[in-house]
Amino acid sequence: MPRLLLATDAWRPQVNGVVRTIENTLTQLSAQGYEYEVIHPELFNNFPAPLYPEIKLAFPRQKTVARKIRDFQPDHIHIATEGPIGQRVRKFCVKNNYSFSTSFHTLFPDYLKALAGVPPSITWRFFRWFHSAAKSTMVPTHFIKDLLSARGFTNLNVWSRGIDREIFYPHEPVLSRKGGKPILLYVGRVSREKNIEEFLRLETESDKYVVGDGPIRAQLESKYPQATFVGYKKGHDLAAHFSSADVFVFPSKTDTFGNVVLEALACGVPVAAFPLAGALELVSQDTRLGAVDESLQIAVDAALKSGESSFCHEFSTRFTWQNAANQFISGLVPV
């Protein structure tokens, strides 16, 4: 039975694409006979990250991390994030000549520029150093693979994403349609780096709904009273909110994939987005899936005209967590 040690700074109770991806992948690995152990912040004293309080940071002693790794005796080590836990496991591996893999989930150089004005050149230098020691670095799309390759990253492999078929499929709508106008929907964290104002500023005869919460929700609710903010949703309730929309609008320019794009398609909703990362790789394949454009306004107008609900759902069925887990396995390296 192969033994996988996975290190991550993103873990429950966080609700985000990184955590969902790890959880679903581990479920699939367990079904294929893998034994795994996760080193995560909840195992240690932790505190909220200054710019991102939903994320808990932990700074365990290096000796504690080393003992956990040695006690588990893994066949494979995967470092999912570049935070303090990821750094400690990386340090152990380099010191003891253990081979390991990493994954690149988030464009933190762009995040930190948006959140705190940190020059991207500084953070790119750190990320290039962090992943340079890995024998394999897994990325969610070919777009991100090309982007990182151009920045000097090596040993890159694609690890895609999947859909929970028991939750994400066309549901009965739950959002009210006012005066017959189309519904535009955003789902995700309500934070500056998500570029939500680009969505809220759209000049279109439609009802705008925001599903999610975050540090600038109150500010945006006050500034854009025509939009409706409904807070966090999950499970079938979230899928029903997706299914209520005529177009799912994904304004982010910093996400490396955007699991919500795939979830929207699975619920039969075409997508409007910028031509970046997951949206570009998915939606640009067929106009019936929606539209991508440098102008979000043009993308929304095109998606409203060309999107086909049944085709969106049918297209999404090719993305399974089993396939994604197989890609993950192929990117692992023996210690």
C-alpha atoms as a PDB file:
ATOM      1  CA  MET A   1       0.000   0.000   0.000  1.00  0.00           C
ATOM      2  CA  PRO A   2       1.675   3.300  -1.104  1.00  0.00           C
ATOM      3  CA  ARG A   3       2.033   5.875   1.642  1.00  0.00           C
ATOM      4  CA  LEU A   4       1.617   9.575   0.839  1.00  0.00           C
ATOM      5  CA  LEU A   5       2.520  12.422   3.161  1.00  0.00           C
ATOM      6  CA  LEU A   6       0.851  15.658   2.109  1.00  0.00           C
ATOM      7  CA  ALA A   7       1.801  19.031   3.600  1.00  0.00           C
ATOM      8  CA  THR A   8      -0.588  21.956   3.266  1.00  0.00           C
ATOM      9  CA  ASP A   9      -1.147  25.359   4.855  1.00  0.00           C
ATOM     10  CA  ALA A  10      -4.718  25.348   3.480  1.00  0.00           C
ATOM     11  CA  TRP A  11      -7.058  22.964   5.283  1.00  0.00           C
ATOM     12  CA  ARG A  12     -10.440  22.643   6.929  1.00  0.00           C
ATOM     13  CA  PRO A  13     -12.394  24.571   8.114  1.00  0.00           C
ATOM     14  CA  GLN A  14     -11.344  26.786   5.179  1.00  0.00           C
ATOM     15  CA  VAL A  15     -13.744  26.697   2.238  1.00  0.00           C
ATOM     16  CA  ASN A  16     -11.839  27.266  -0.985  1.00  0.00           C
ATOM     17  CA  GLY A  17     -10.722  25.574  -4.180  1.00  0.00           C
ATOM     18  CA  VAL A  18      -7.397  24.406  -2.758  1.00  0.00           C
ATOM     19  CA  VAL A  19      -8.991  22.586   0.172  1.00  0.00           C
ATOM     20  CA  ARG A  20     -11.714  21.029  -1.998  1.00  0.00           C
ATOM     21  CA  THR A  21      -9.135  19.879  -4.518  1.00  0.00           C
ATOM     22  CA  ILE A  22      -6.971  18.232  -1.862  1.00  0.00           C
ATOM     23  CA  GLU A  23      -9.935  16.578  -0.121  1.00  0.00           C
ATOM     24  CA  ASN A  24     -11.407  15.159  -3.318  1.00  0.00           C
ATOM     25  CA  THR A  25      -8.023  13.927  -4.518  1.00  0.00           C
ATOM     26  CA  LEU A  26      -7.279  12.195  -1.210  1.00  0.00           C
ATOM     27  CA  THR A  27     -10.688  10.498  -1.317  1.00  0.00           C
ATOM     28  CA  GLN A  28      -9.854   9.094  -4.737  1.00  0.00           C
ATOM     29  CA  LEU A  29      -6.368   8.020  -3.633  1.00  0.00           C
ATOM     30  CA  SER A  30      -7.806   6.204  -0.643  1.00  0.00           C
ATOM     31  CA  ALA A  31     -10.152   4.312  -2.973  1.00  0.00           C
ATOM     32  CA  GLN A  32      -7.099   3.277  -5.020  1.00  0.00           C
ATOM     33  CA  GLY A  33      -5.335   1.839  -1.975  1.00  0.00           C
ATOM     34  CA  TYR A  34      -3.184   4.767  -0.868  1.00  0.00           C
ATOM     35  CA  GLU A  35      -2.558   5.432   2.795  1.00  0.00           C
ATOM     36  CA  TYR A  36      -2.024   9.105   3.556  1.00  0.00           C
ATOM     37  CA  GLU A  37      -1.256  11.543   6.324  1.00  0.00           C
ATOM     38  CA  VAL A  38      -1.798  15.309   6.134  1.00  0.00           C
ATOM     39  CA  ILE A  39       0.352  17.846   7.968  1.00  0.00           C
ATOM     40  CA  HIS A  40      -1.853  20.939   8.310  1.00  0.00           C
ATOM     41  CA  PRO A  41      -2.282  24.015  10.562  1.00  0.00           C
ATOM     42  CA  GLU A  42      -4.987  22.515  12.788  1.00  0.00           C
ATOM     43  CA  LEU A  43      -2.392  20.098  14.214  1.00  0.00           C
ATOM     44  CA  PHE A  44      -0.528  23.004  15.829  1.00  0.00           C
ATOM     45  CA  ASN A  45      -1.103  26.342  17.504  1.00  0.00           C
ATOM     46  CA  ASN A  46      -2.285  28.665  14.743  1.00  0.00           C
ATOM     47  CA  PHE A  47      -3.570  32.179  14.133  1.00  0.00           C
ATOM     48  CA  PRO A  48      -5.397  34.035  11.327  1.00  0.00           C
ATOM     49  CA  ALA A  49      -3.282  35.296   8.440  1.00  0.00           C
ATOM     50  CA  PRO A  50      -3.065  39.124   8.584  1.00  0.00           C
ATOM     51  CA  LEU A  51      -4.393  39.767   5.052  1.00  0.00           C
ATOM     52  CA  TYR A  52      -6.536  36.651   4.760  1.00  0.00           C
ATOM     53  CA  PRO A  53      -8.104  35.792   8.168  1.00  0.00           C
ATOM     54  CA  GLU A  54      -9.885  32.682   6.838  1.00  0.00           C
ATOM     55  CA  ILE A  55      -6.445  31.118   6.434  1.00  0.00           C
ATOM     56  CA  LYS A  56      -4.853  29.861   9.658  1.00  0.00           C
ATOM     57  CA  LEU A  57      -1.068  30.005   9.863  1.00  0.00           C
ATOM     58  CA  ALA A  58       0.981  27.612  11.967  1.00  0.00           C
ATOM     59  CA  PHE A  59       4.718  27.683  12.612  1.00  0.00           C
ATOM     60  CA  PRO A  60       5.520  24.249  14.065  1.00  0.00           C
ATOM     61  CA  ARG A  61       9.012  23.434  15.276  1.00  0.00           C
ATOM     62  CA  GLN A  62      11.215  21.888  12.619  1.00  0.00           C
ATOM     63  CA  LYS A  63      11.905  18.909  14.909  1.00  0.00           C
ATOM     64  CA  THR A  64       8.173  18.255  15.267  1.00  0.00           C
ATOM     65  CA  VAL A  65       7.680  18.200  11.495  1.00  0.00           C
ATOM     66  CA  ALA A  66      10.722  15.950  11.013  1.00  0.00           C
ATOM     67  CA  ARG A  67       9.407  13.496  13.604  1.00  0.00           C
ATOM     68  CA  LYS A  68       6.000  13.308  11.915  1.00  0.00           C
ATOM     69  CA  ILE A  69       7.608  12.567   8.556  1.00  0.00           C
ATOM     70  CA  ARG A  70       9.955   9.917   9.929  1.00  0.00           C
ATOM     71  CA  ASP A  71       7.216   8.236  11.981  1.00  0.00           C
ATOM     72  CA  PHE A  72       4.965   7.938   8.932  1.00  0.00           C
ATOM     73  CA  GLN A  73       7.727   6.673   6.613  1.00  0.00           C
ATOM     74  CA  PRO A  74       6.130   7.900   3.365  1.00  0.00           C
ATOM     75  CA  ASP A  75       6.775   6.548  -0.120  1.00  0.00           C
ATOM     76  CA  HIS A  76       5.830   9.950  -1.571  1.00  0.00           C
ATOM     77  CA  ILE A  77       5.869  13.486  -0.190  1.00  0.00           C
ATOM     78  CA  HIS A  78       3.751  16.214  -1.741  1.00  0.00           C
ATOM     79  CA  ILE A  79       3.906  19.851  -0.633  1.00  0.00           C
ATOM     80  CA  ALA A  80       0.674  21.527  -1.669  1.00  0.00           C
ATOM     81  CA  THR A  81       1.352  25.101  -0.505  1.00  0.00           C
ATOM     82  CA  GLU A  82       4.279  27.432  -0.048  1.00  0.00           C
ATOM     83  CA  GLY A  83       3.424  28.630   3.486  1.00  0.00           C
ATOM     84  CA  PRO A  84       5.264  27.939   6.750  1.00  0.00           C
ATOM     85  CA  ILE A  85       4.257  24.262   6.918  1.00  0.00           C
ATOM     86  CA  GLY A  86       5.226  23.753   3.291  1.00  0.00           C
ATOM     87  CA  GLN A  87       8.546  25.472   3.931  1.00  0.00           C
ATOM     88  CA  ARG A  88       9.351  23.244   6.900  1.00  0.00           C
ATOM     89  CA  VAL A  89       8.608  20.054   4.988  1.00  0.00           C
ATOM     90  CA  ARG A  90      10.659  21.357   2.053  1.00  0.00           C
ATOM     91  CA  LYS A  91      13.570  22.070   4.406  1.00  0.00           C
ATOM     92  CA  PHE A  92      13.412  18.533   5.814  1.00  0.00           C
ATOM     93  CA  CYS A  93      13.364  16.999   2.329  1.00  0.00           C
ATOM     94  CA  VAL A  94      16.282  19.053   1.040  1.00  0.00           C
ATOM     95  CA  LYS A  95      18.374  18.378   4.154  1.00  0.00           C
ATOM     96  CA  ASN A  96      17.742  14.622   4.024  1.00  0.00           C
ATOM     97  CA  ASN A  97      17.909  14.202   0.223  1.00  0.00           C
ATOM     98  CA  TYR A  98      14.234  13.231  -0.019  1.00  0.00           C
ATOM     99  CA  SER A  99      12.665  13.753  -3.428  1.00  0.00           C
ATOM    100  CA  PHE A 100       9.257  15.449  -3.345  1.00  0.00           C
ATOM    101  CA  SER A 101       6.585  17.055  -5.498  1.00  0.00           C
ATOM    102  CA  THR A 102       4.843  20.407  -5.103  1.00  0.00           C
ATOM    103  CA  SER A 103       1.756  22.069  -6.539  1.00  0.00           C
ATOM    104  CA  PHE A 104       1.057  25.629  -7.635  1.00  0.00           C
ATOM    105  CA  HIS A 105      -2.510  26.605  -6.707  1.00  0.00           C
ATOM    106  CA  THR A 106      -2.516  30.370  -6.406  1.00  0.00           C
ATOM    107  CA  LEU A 107      -1.009  33.359  -8.204  1.00  0.00           C
ATOM    108  CA  PHE A 108       0.124  34.850  -4.913  1.00  0.00           C
ATOM    109  CA  PRO A 109       2.379  37.439  -6.604  1.00  0.00           C
ATOM    110  CA  ASP A 110      -0.772  38.978  -8.101  1.00  0.00           C
ATOM    111  CA  TYR A 111      -2.753  38.456  -4.884  1.00  0.00           C
ATOM    112  CA  LEU A 112      -0.167  40.208  -2.747  1.00  0.00           C
ATOM    113  CA  LYS A 113       0.073  43.072  -5.192  1.00  0.00           C
ATOM    114  CA  ALA A 114      -3.713  43.523  -5.056  1.00  0.00           C
ATOM    115  CA  LEU A 115      -3.946  43.114  -1.277  1.00  0.00           C
ATOM    116  CA  ALA A 116      -0.818  44.851  -0.023  1.00  0.00           C
ATOM    117  CA  GLY A 117       1.025  46.420  -2.961  1.00  0.00           C
ATOM    118  CA  VAL A 118       3.947  43.964  -2.738  1.00  0.00           C
ATOM    119  CA  PRO A 119       5.992  44.104  -5.989  1.00  0.00           C
ATOM    120  CA  PRO A 120       5.375  40.833  -7.913  1.00  0.00           C
ATOM    121  CA  SER A 121       9.088  40.529  -8.765  1.00  0.00           C
ATOM    122  CA  ILE A 122       9.848  39.840  -5.098  1.00  0.00           C
ATOM    123  CA  THR A 123       7.247  37.124  -4.646  1.00  0.00           C
ATOM    124  CA  TRP A 124       7.992  35.492  -8.016  1.00  0.00           C
ATOM    125  CA  ARG A 125      11.618  35.131  -6.928  1.00  0.00           C
ATOM    126  CA  PHE A 126      10.499  33.357  -3.752  1.00  0.00           C
ATOM    127  CA  PHE A 127       8.099  31.003  -5.558  1.00  0.00           C
ATOM    128  CA  ARG A 128      10.692  30.113  -8.180  1.00  0.00           C
ATOM    129  CA  TRP A 129      13.149  29.241  -5.382  1.00  0.00           C
ATOM    130  CA  PHE A 130      10.538  27.233  -3.455  1.00  0.00           C
ATOM    131  CA  HIS A 131       9.547  25.003  -6.366  1.00  0.00           C
ATOM    132  CA  SER A 132      13.022  24.679  -7.848  1.00  0.00           C
ATOM    133  CA  ALA A 133      13.909  21.841  -5.454  1.00  0.00           C
ATOM    134  CA  ALA A 134      10.888  19.731  -6.429  1.00  0.00           C
ATOM    135  CA  LYS A 135      11.223  16.851  -8.868  1.00  0.00           C
ATOM    136  CA  SER A 136       7.680  17.595 -10.049  1.00  0.00           C
ATOM    137  CA  THR A 137       5.477  20.687  -9.752  1.00  0.00           C
ATOM    138  CA  MET A 138       1.792  20.193 -10.504  1.00  0.00           C
ATOM    139  CA  VAL A 139      -0.248  22.999 -12.082  1.00  0.00           C
ATOM    140  CA  PRO A 140      -3.987  23.105 -12.843  1.00  0.00           C
ATOM    141  CA  THR A 141      -3.933  24.134 -16.528  1.00  0.00           C
ATOM    142  CA  HIS A 142      -1.706  24.310 -19.584  1.00  0.00           C
ATOM    143  CA  PHE A 143      -2.097  28.101 -19.421  1.00  0.00           C
ATOM    144  CA  ILE A 144      -0.446  28.177 -15.974  1.00  0.00           C
ATOM    145  CA  LYS A 145       2.152  25.660 -17.119  1.00  0.00           C
ATOM    146  CA  ASP A 146       3.184  27.969 -19.968  1.00  0.00           C
ATOM    147  CA  LEU A 147       3.110  31.023 -17.695  1.00  0.00           C
ATOM    148  CA  LEU A 148       5.396  29.404 -15.102  1.00  0.00           C
ATOM    149  CA  SER A 149       7.685  27.907 -17.728  1.00  0.00           C
ATOM    150  CA  ALA A 150       8.235  31.396 -19.142  1.00  0.00           C
ATOM    151  CA  ARG A 151       9.192  32.516 -15.620  1.00  0.00           C
ATOM    152  CA  GLY A 152      11.855  29.836 -15.227  1.00  0.00           C
ATOM    153  CA  PHE A 153       9.899  27.080 -13.456  1.00  0.00           C
ATOM    154  CA  THR A 154      10.780  23.499 -14.426  1.00  0.00           C
ATOM    155  CA  ASN A 155       9.452  19.930 -14.069  1.00  0.00           C
ATOM    156  CA  LEU A 156       5.857  21.081 -14.600  1.00  0.00           C
ATOM    157  CA  ASN A 157       2.939  18.626 -14.874  1.00  0.00           C
ATOM    158  CA  VAL A 158      -0.782  19.314 -15.285  1.00  0.00           C
ATOM    159  CA  TRP A 159      -3.073  18.232 -12.443  1.00  0.00           C
ATOM    160  CA  SER A 160      -6.600  19.195 -13.478  1.00  0.00           C
ATOM    161  CA  ARG A 161      -9.799  19.380 -11.437  1.00  0.00           C
ATOM    162  CA  GLY A 162     -13.086  17.515 -11.198  1.00  0.00           C
ATOM    163  CA  ILE A 163     -16.735  17.848 -10.253  1.00  0.00           C
ATOM    164  CA  ASP A 164     -18.793  16.314  -7.449  1.00  0.00           C
ATOM    165  CA  ARG A 165     -21.585  14.850  -9.592  1.00  0.00           C
ATOM    166  CA  GLU A 166     -23.814  14.240  -6.570  1.00  0.00           C
ATOM    167  CA  ILE A 167     -24.020  17.985  -5.940  1.00  0.00           C
ATOM    168  CA  PHE A 168     -23.333  19.931  -9.118  1.00  0.00           C
ATOM    169  CA  TYR A 169     -25.969  19.356 -11.788  1.00  0.00           C
ATOM    170  CA  PRO A 170     -28.929  21.465 -12.981  1.00  0.00           C
ATOM    171  CA  HIS A 171     -31.277  22.207 -10.059  1.00  0.00           C
ATOM    172  CA  GLU A 172     -34.546  24.084  -9.723  1.00  0.00           C
ATOM    173  CA  PRO A 173     -33.732  27.836  -9.572  1.00  0.00           C
ATOM    174  CA  VAL A 174     -33.960  29.566  -6.194  1.00  0.00           C
ATOM    175  CA  LEU A 175     -33.183  33.164  -7.172  1.00  0.00           C
ATOM    176  CA  SER A 176     -35.996  35.506  -8.183  1.00  0.00           C
ATOM    177  CA  ARG A 177     -35.997  36.966 -11.676  1.00  0.00           C
ATOM    178  CA  LYS A 178     -37.100  40.595 -11.473  1.00  0.00           C
ATOM    179  CA  GLY A 179     -39.116  41.798 -14.423  1.00  0.00           C
ATOM    180  CA  GLY A 180     -37.909  39.027 -16.703  1.00  0.00           C
ATOM    181  CA  LYS A 181     -34.324  40.305 -16.733  1.00  0.00           C
ATOM    182  CA  PRO A 182     -31.440  37.820 -17.025  1.00  0.00           C
ATOM    183  CA  ILE A 183     -29.558  36.835 -13.879  1.00  0.00           C
ATOM    184  CA  LEU A 184     -25.785  37.325 -13.677  1.00  0.00           C
ATOM    185  CA  LEU A 185     -24.071  35.459 -10.850  1.00  0.00           C
ATOM    186  CA  TYR A 186     -20.731  35.645  -9.048  1.00  0.00           C
ATOM    187  CA  VAL A 187     -19.665  32.935  -6.591  1.00  0.00           C
ATOM    188  CA  GLY A 188     -16.531  33.212  -4.458  1.00  0.00           C
ATOM    189  CA  ARG A 189     -14.694  35.162  -1.828  1.00  0.00           C
ATOM    190  CA  VAL A 190     -15.742  38.806  -1.602  1.00  0.00           C
ATOM    191  CA  SER A 191     -12.254  40.241  -1.542  1.00  0.00           C
ATOM    192  CA  ARG A 192     -10.270  42.785  -3.505  1.00  0.00           C
ATOM    193  CA  GLU A 193      -8.040  40.273  -5.299  1.00  0.00           C
ATOM    194  CA  LYS A 194     -11.129  38.626  -6.844  1.00  0.00           C
ATOM    195  CA  ASN A 195     -11.800  41.765  -8.938  1.00  0.00           C
ATOM    196  CA  ILE A 196     -15.531  41.661  -8.117  1.00  0.00           C
ATOM    197  CA  GLU A 197     -16.102  45.339  -8.901  1.00  0.00           C
ATOM    198  CA  GLU A 198     -15.413  44.563 -12.551  1.00  0.00           C
ATOM    199  CA  PHE A 199     -18.569  42.434 -12.363  1.00  0.00           C
ATOM    200  CA  LEU A 200     -20.623  44.870 -10.313  1.00  0.00           C
ATOM    201  CA  ARG A 201     -19.797  47.791 -12.661  1.00  0.00           C
ATOM    202  CA  LEU A 202     -21.172  46.020 -15.734  1.00  0.00           C
ATOM    203  CA  GLU A 203     -23.752  48.127 -17.555  1.00  0.00           C
ATOM    204  CA  THR A 204     -26.379  45.591 -18.488  1.00  0.00           C
ATOM    205  CA  GLU A 205     -30.113  45.098 -18.062  1.00  0.00           C
ATOM    206  CA  SER A 206     -29.805  42.229 -15.630  1.00  0.00           C
ATOM    207  CA  ASP A 207     -30.040  41.242 -11.994  1.00  0.00           C
ATOM    208  CA  LYS A 208     -26.658  40.754 -10.318  1.00  0.00           C
ATOM    209  CA  TYR A 209     -26.267  38.286  -7.463  1.00  0.00           C
ATOM    210  CA  VAL A 210     -23.179  37.667  -5.323  1.00  0.00           C
ATOM    211  CA  VAL A 211     -22.794  34.362  -3.470  1.00  0.00           C
ATOM    212  CA  GLY A 212     -20.030  34.371  -0.861  1.00  0.00           C
ATOM    213  CA  ASP A 213     -18.586  36.547   1.858  1.00  0.00           C
ATOM    214  CA  GLY A 214     -15.374  38.357   2.666  1.00  0.00           C
ATOM    215  CA  PRO A 215     -13.709  41.493   3.983  1.00  0.00           C
ATOM    216  CA  ILE A 216     -15.162  43.985   1.463  1.00  0.00           C
ATOM    217  CA  ARG A 217     -18.737  42.696   1.348  1.00  0.00           C
ATOM    218  CA  ALA A 218     -20.217  45.534   3.425  1.00  0.00           C
ATOM    219  CA  GLN A 219     -18.329  48.104   1.362  1.00  0.00           C
ATOM    220  CA  LEU A 220     -19.568  46.658  -1.919  1.00  0.00           C
ATOM    221  CA  GLU A 221     -23.147  46.266  -0.685  1.00  0.00           C
ATOM    222  CA  SER A 222     -23.184  49.972   0.130  1.00  0.00           C
ATOM    223  CA  LYS A 223     -21.525  51.015  -3.133  1.00  0.00           C
ATOM    224  CA  TYR A 224     -23.637  48.765  -5.401  1.00  0.00           C
ATOM    225  CA  PRO A 225     -27.149  48.648  -3.873  1.00  0.00           C
ATOM    226  CA  GLN A 226     -28.594  47.269  -7.140  1.00  0.00           C
ATOM    227  CA  ALA A 227     -26.754  43.985  -6.568  1.00  0.00           C
ATOM    228  CA  THR A 228     -28.014  41.307  -4.165  1.00  0.00           C
ATOM    229  CA  PHE A 229     -25.536  39.693  -1.762  1.00  0.00           C
ATOM    230  CA  VAL A 230     -26.750  36.363  -0.362  1.00  0.00           C
ATOM    231  CA  GLY A 231     -23.717  35.190   1.650  1.00  0.00           C
ATOM    232  CA  TYR A 232     -22.080  31.756   1.706  1.00  0.00           C
ATOM    233  CA  LYS A 233     -23.926  28.804   0.240  1.00  0.00           C
ATOM    234  CA  LYS A 234     -22.855  25.179   0.031  1.00  0.00           C
ATOM    235  CA  GLY A 235     -23.942  21.790  -1.247  1.00  0.00           C
ATOM    236  CA  HIS A 236     -27.220  21.518  -3.134  1.00  0.00           C
ATOM    237  CA  ASP A 237     -28.179  25.041  -2.058  1.00  0.00           C
ATOM    238  CA  LEU A 238     -25.081  26.385  -3.821  1.00  0.00           C
ATOM    239  CA  ALA A 239     -25.863  24.299  -6.911  1.00  0.00           C
ATOM    240  CA  ALA A 240     -29.409  25.694  -6.955  1.00  0.00           C
ATOM    241  CA  HIS A 241     -27.996  29.234  -6.876  1.00  0.00           C
ATOM    242  CA  PHE A 242     -25.694  28.372  -9.781  1.00  0.00           C
ATOM    243  CA  SER A 243     -28.646  26.885 -11.659  1.00  0.00           C
ATOM    244  CA  SER A 244     -30.655  30.099 -11.243  1.00  0.00           C
ATOM    245  CA  ALA A 245     -28.235  32.127 -13.377  1.00  0.00           C
ATOM    246  CA  ASP A 246     -28.305  32.865 -17.074  1.00  0.00           C
ATOM    247  CA  VAL A 247     -24.562  33.569 -17.016  1.00  0.00           C
ATOM    248  CA  PHE A 248     -21.899  32.938 -14.398  1.00  0.00           C
ATOM    249  CA  VAL A 249     -19.449  35.843 -14.371  1.00  0.00           C
ATOM    250  CA  PHE A 250     -15.870  35.099 -13.319  1.00  0.00           C
ATOM    251  CA  PRO A 251     -13.998  38.430 -13.052  1.00  0.00           C
ATOM    252  CA  SER A 252     -10.845  37.114 -11.355  1.00  0.00           C
ATOM    253  CA  LYS A 253      -7.486  37.681 -13.002  1.00  0.00           C
ATOM    254  CA  THR A 254      -5.484  35.862 -10.300  1.00  0.00           C
ATOM    255  CA  ASP A 255      -7.041  32.376 -10.010  1.00  0.00           C
ATOM    256  CA  THR A 256      -5.043  29.533 -11.531  1.00  0.00           C
ATOM    257  CA  PHE A 257      -8.138  27.447 -12.346  1.00  0.00           C
ATOM    258  CA  GLY A 258     -11.369  28.576 -10.714  1.00  0.00           C
ATOM    259  CA  ASN A 259     -13.249  25.473  -9.558  1.00  0.00           C
ATOM    260  CA  VAL A 260     -16.419  27.588  -9.620  1.00  0.00           C
ATOM    261  CA  VAL A 261     -16.162  27.827 -13.418  1.00  0.00           C
ATOM    262  CA  LEU A 262     -16.442  24.055 -13.693  1.00  0.00           C
ATOM    263  CA  GLU A 263     -19.228  23.971 -11.078  1.00  0.00           C
ATOM    264  CA  ALA A 264     -21.227  26.568 -13.028  1.00  0.00           C
ATOM    265  CA  LEU A 265     -20.887  24.597 -16.256  1.00  0.00           C
ATOM    266  CA  ALA A 266     -21.958  21.406 -14.460  1.00  0.00           C
ATOM    267  CA  CYS A 267     -25.120  23.224 -13.355  1.00  0.00           C
ATOM    268  CA  GLY A 268     -25.811  24.139 -16.961  1.00  0.00           C
ATOM    269  CA  VAL A 269     -24.709  27.769 -16.784  1.00  0.00           C
ATOM    270  CA  PRO A 270     -22.512  29.403 -19.453  1.00  0.00           C
ATOM    271  CA  VAL A 271     -19.539  31.422 -18.244  1.00  0.00           C
ATOM    272  CA  ALA A 272     -18.234  34.912 -19.016  1.00  0.00           C
ATOM    273  CA  ALA A 273     -14.623  35.598 -18.037  1.00  0.00           C
ATOM    274  CA  PHE A 274     -11.312  37.090 -19.004  1.00  0.00           C
ATOM    275  CA  PRO A 275      -9.124  34.943 -21.312  1.00  0.00           C
ATOM    276  CA  LEU A 276      -6.984  33.582 -18.480  1.00  0.00           C
ATOM    277  CA  ALA A 277      -6.173  30.275 -16.752  1.00  0.00           C
ATOM    278  CA  GLY A 278      -9.032  27.817 -16.279  1.00  0.00           C
ATOM    279  CA  ALA A 279     -11.683  29.972 -17.929  1.00  0.00           C
ATOM    280  CA  LEU A 280      -9.594  30.267 -21.086  1.00  0.00           C
ATOM    281  CA  GLU A 281      -8.815  26.552 -21.147  1.00  0.00           C
ATOM    282  CA  LEU A 282     -12.438  25.520 -20.598  1.00  0.00           C
ATOM    283  CA  VAL A 283     -14.796  28.135 -22.021  1.00  0.00           C
ATOM    284  CA  SER A 284     -12.867  29.022 -25.160  1.00  0.00           C
ATOM    285  CA  GLN A 285     -13.391  25.503 -26.534  1.00  0.00           C
ATOM    286  CA  ASP A 286     -16.936  26.246 -27.720  1.00  0.00           C
ATOM    287  CA  THR A 287     -19.141  29.373 -27.825  1.00  0.00           C
ATOM    288  CA  ARG A 288     -21.981  27.321 -26.332  1.00  0.00           C
ATOM    289  CA  LEU A 289     -19.984  27.270 -23.070  1.00  0.00           C
ATOM    290  CA  GLY A 290     -19.965  31.073 -22.857  1.00  0.00           C
ATOM    291  CA  ALA A 291     -17.291  33.569 -23.814  1.00  0.00           C
ATOM    292  CA  VAL A 292     -13.917  34.976 -22.776  1.00  0.00           C
ATOM    293  CA  ASP A 293     -12.762  38.437 -23.757  1.00  0.00           C
ATOM    294  CA  GLU A 294     -10.448  41.210 -22.564  1.00  0.00           C
ATOM    295  CA  SER A 295     -13.691  43.154 -22.057  1.00  0.00           C
ATOM    296  CA  LEU A 296     -15.880  41.473 -19.447  1.00  0.00           C
ATOM    297  CA  GLN A 297     -18.851  43.376 -20.858  1.00  0.00           C
ATOM    298  CA  ILE A 298     -18.327  41.832 -24.300  1.00  0.00           C
ATOM    299  CA  ALA A 299     -17.887  38.379 -22.739  1.00  0.00           C
ATOM    300  CA  VAL A 300     -21.172  38.682 -20.810  1.00  0.00           C
ATOM    301  CA  ASP A 301     -23.130  39.893 -23.843  1.00  0.00           C
ATOM    302  CA  ALA A 302     -21.712  37.044 -25.957  1.00  0.00           C
ATOM    303  CA  ALA A 303     -22.403  34.403 -23.292  1.00  0.00           C
ATOM    304  CA  LEU A 304     -26.024  35.554 -22.968  1.00  0.00           C
ATOM    305  CA  LYS A 305     -26.492  35.049 -26.701  1.00  0.00           C
ATOM    306  CA  SER A 306     -24.556  31.852 -27.374  1.00  0.00           C
ATOM    307  CA  GLY A 307     -24.623  29.859 -24.134  1.00  0.00           C
ATOM    308  CA  GLU A 308     -26.498  26.541 -24.155  1.00  0.00           C
ATOM    309  CA  SER A 309     -27.369  25.023 -20.785  1.00  0.00           C
ATOM    310  CA  SER A 310     -27.530  21.377 -21.856  1.00  0.00           C
ATOM    311  CA  PHE A 311     -24.213  21.580 -23.687  1.00  0.00           C
ATOM    312  CA  CYS A 312     -22.512  23.210 -20.671  1.00  0.00           C
ATOM    313  CA  HIS A 313     -23.601  20.349 -18.425  1.00  0.00           C
ATOM    314  CA  GLU A 314     -22.661  17.688 -20.977  1.00  0.00           C
ATOM    315  CA  PHE A 315     -19.213  19.223 -21.469  1.00  0.00           C
ATOM    316  CA  SER A 316     -18.533  19.256 -17.717  1.00  0.00           C
ATOM    317  CA  THR A 317     -19.042  15.503 -17.392  1.00  0.00           C
ATOM    318  CA  ARG A 318     -15.586  14.807 -18.844  1.00  0.00           C
ATOM    319  CA  PHE A 319     -14.007  16.336 -15.712  1.00  0.00           C
ATOM    320  CA  THR A 320     -13.965  13.779 -12.899  1.00  0.00           C
ATOM    321  CA  TRP A 321     -12.033  13.638  -9.652  1.00  0.00           C
ATOM    322  CA  GLN A 322     -10.901  10.147 -10.590  1.00  0.00           C
ATOM    323  CA  ASN A 323      -9.180  11.482 -13.710  1.00  0.00           C
ATOM    324  CA  ALA A 324      -7.714  14.368 -11.716  1.00  0.00           C
ATOM    325  CA  ALA A 325      -6.407  11.948  -9.061  1.00  0.00           C
ATOM    326  CA  ASN A 326      -4.755   9.828 -11.757  1.00  0.00           C
ATOM    327  CA  GLN A 327      -2.964  12.932 -13.013  1.00  0.00           C
ATOM    328  CA  PHE A 328      -1.865  13.656  -9.446  1.00  0.00           C
ATOM    329  CA  ILE A 329      -0.510  10.112  -9.047  1.00  0.00           C
ATOM    330  CA  SER A 330       1.456  10.400 -12.278  1.00  0.00           C
ATOM    331  CA  GLY A 331       3.090  13.557 -10.912  1.00  0.00           C
ATOM    332  CA  LEU A 332       4.245  11.979  -7.645  1.00  0.00           C
ATOM    333  CA  VAL A 333       7.890  10.961  -7.173  1.00  0.00           C
ATOM    334  CA  PRO A 334       9.417   8.306  -4.877  1.00  0.00           C
ATOM    335  CA  VAL A 335      11.136   9.834  -1.839  1.00  0.00           C
END
